[in-house]
Amino acid sequence: MAILEQSDIKDRLREIKDYIFEIKFKNCLEKQILENLKSEIKYKLNTINIDSKTPDKIQEKINSIEELINF
């Protein structure tokens, strides 16, 4: 009987740990990823120099930004 109770306690602790991870850390991680992505997109947009590029080169640069967004 004591073994079952210990198993139940371990299962409950695991559930609590998983819940806390989901709520606290997963949301924080997703926010960090999105902020990083936003910064990267801003940087890439700011570094496009259309004066010295052909339309094809500009399109390549835009496509690379789209690939970044579609990760």
C-alpha atoms as a PDB file:
ATOM      1  CA  MET A   1       0.000   0.000   0.000  1.00  0.00           C
ATOM      2  CA  ALA A   2       2.834   2.407   0.825  1.00  0.00           C
ATOM      3  CA  ILE A   3       4.384   1.753  -2.595  1.00  0.00           C
ATOM      4  CA  LEU A   4       1.170   2.782  -4.327  1.00  0.00           C
ATOM      5  CA  GLU A   5       0.984   5.935  -2.270  1.00  0.00           C
ATOM      6  CA  GLN A   6       4.576   6.844  -3.115  1.00  0.00           C
ATOM      7  CA  SER A   7       3.841   6.225  -6.778  1.00  0.00           C
ATOM      8  CA  ASP A   8       0.768   8.449  -6.569  1.00  0.00           C
ATOM      9  CA  ILE A   9       2.784  11.186  -4.891  1.00  0.00           C
ATOM     10  CA  LYS A  10       5.493  10.964  -7.551  1.00  0.00           C
ATOM     11  CA  ASP A  11       2.872  11.141 -10.298  1.00  0.00           C
ATOM     12  CA  ARG A  12       1.215  14.142  -8.682  1.00  0.00           C
ATOM     13  CA  LEU A  13       4.562  15.931  -8.267  1.00  0.00           C
ATOM     14  CA  ARG A  14       5.367  15.237 -11.911  1.00  0.00           C
ATOM     15  CA  GLU A  15       2.003  16.696 -12.945  1.00  0.00           C
ATOM     16  CA  ILE A  16       2.634  19.820 -10.861  1.00  0.00           C
ATOM     17  CA  LYS A  17       6.149  20.211 -12.264  1.00  0.00           C
ATOM     18  CA  ASP A  18       4.885  19.832 -15.836  1.00  0.00           C
ATOM     19  CA  TYR A  19       2.110  22.338 -15.199  1.00  0.00           C
ATOM     20  CA  ILE A  20       4.509  24.921 -13.785  1.00  0.00           C
ATOM     21  CA  PHE A  21       6.870  24.412 -16.707  1.00  0.00           C
ATOM     22  CA  GLU A  22       4.050  24.868 -19.212  1.00  0.00           C
ATOM     23  CA  ILE A  23       2.707  28.006 -17.592  1.00  0.00           C
ATOM     24  CA  LYS A  24       5.901  29.799 -16.594  1.00  0.00           C
ATOM     25  CA  PHE A  25       8.715  28.699 -18.842  1.00  0.00           C
ATOM     26  CA  LYS A  26       7.079  27.763 -22.107  1.00  0.00           C
ATOM     27  CA  ASN A  27       5.298  31.115 -22.392  1.00  0.00           C
ATOM     28  CA  CYS A  28       8.509  32.928 -21.500  1.00  0.00           C
ATOM     29  CA  LEU A  29      10.474  30.959 -24.077  1.00  0.00           C
ATOM     30  CA  GLU A  30       7.909  31.650 -26.793  1.00  0.00           C
ATOM     31  CA  LYS A  31       7.998  35.357 -25.967  1.00  0.00           C
ATOM     32  CA  GLN A  32      11.805  35.396 -26.195  1.00  0.00           C
ATOM     33  CA  ILE A  33      11.714  33.597 -29.536  1.00  0.00           C
ATOM     34  CA  LEU A  34       9.176  36.054 -30.935  1.00  0.00           C
ATOM     35  CA  GLU A  35      11.149  39.054 -29.686  1.00  0.00           C
ATOM     36  CA  ASN A  36      14.299  37.649 -31.271  1.00  0.00           C
ATOM     37  CA  LEU A  37      12.475  37.030 -34.530  1.00  0.00           C
ATOM     38  CA  LYS A  38      11.059  40.549 -34.503  1.00  0.00           C
ATOM     39  CA  SER A  39      14.523  42.027 -33.975  1.00  0.00           C
ATOM     40  CA  GLU A  40      15.991  39.909 -36.744  1.00  0.00           C
ATOM     41  CA  ILE A  41      13.270  40.977 -39.184  1.00  0.00           C
ATOM     42  CA  LYS A  42      13.774  44.645 -38.313  1.00  0.00           C
ATOM     43  CA  TYR A  43      17.505  44.281 -38.839  1.00  0.00           C
ATOM     44  CA  LYS A  44      17.103  42.576 -42.200  1.00  0.00           C
ATOM     45  CA  LEU A  45      14.599  45.162 -43.380  1.00  0.00           C
ATOM     46  CA  ASN A  46      16.881  47.995 -42.327  1.00  0.00           C
ATOM     47  CA  THR A  47      19.868  46.507 -44.134  1.00  0.00           C
ATOM     48  CA  ILE A  48      18.218  46.262 -47.534  1.00  0.00           C
ATOM     49  CA  ASN A  49      20.023  48.700 -49.768  1.00  0.00           C
ATOM     50  CA  ILE A  50      17.826  49.033 -52.820  1.00  0.00           C
ATOM     51  CA  ASP A  51      19.982  51.670 -54.506  1.00  0.00           C
ATOM     52  CA  SER A  52      22.738  49.285 -55.487  1.00  0.00           C
ATOM     53  CA  LYS A  53      20.674  46.177 -56.108  1.00  0.00           C
ATOM     54  CA  THR A  54      18.784  44.813 -59.051  1.00  0.00           C
ATOM     55  CA  PRO A  55      15.113  43.902 -58.646  1.00  0.00           C
ATOM     56  CA  ASP A  56      16.113  40.235 -58.515  1.00  0.00           C
ATOM     57  CA  LYS A  57      18.576  40.853 -55.664  1.00  0.00           C
ATOM     58  CA  ILE A  58      15.969  42.829 -53.749  1.00  0.00           C
ATOM     59  CA  GLN A  59      13.481  39.997 -54.211  1.00  0.00           C
ATOM     60  CA  GLU A  60      16.071  37.502 -52.934  1.00  0.00           C
ATOM     61  CA  LYS A  61      16.516  39.588 -49.803  1.00  0.00           C
ATOM     62  CA  ILE A  62      12.753  39.768 -49.273  1.00  0.00           C
ATOM     63  CA  ASN A  63      12.473  36.015 -49.793  1.00  0.00           C
ATOM     64  CA  SER A  64      15.139  35.411 -47.160  1.00  0.00           C
ATOM     65  CA  ILE A  65      13.068  37.466 -44.704  1.00  0.00           C
ATOM     66  CA  GLU A  66       9.972  35.429 -45.570  1.00  0.00           C
ATOM     67  CA  GLU A  67      11.923  32.221 -44.912  1.00  0.00           C
ATOM     68  CA  LEU A  68      12.908  33.590 -41.526  1.00  0.00           C
ATOM     69  CA  ILE A  69       9.276  34.271 -40.682  1.00  0.00           C
ATOM     70  CA  ASN A  70       8.123  30.823 -41.816  1.00  0.00           C
ATOM     71  CA  PHE A  71      10.419  28.924 -39.460  1.00  0.00           C
END
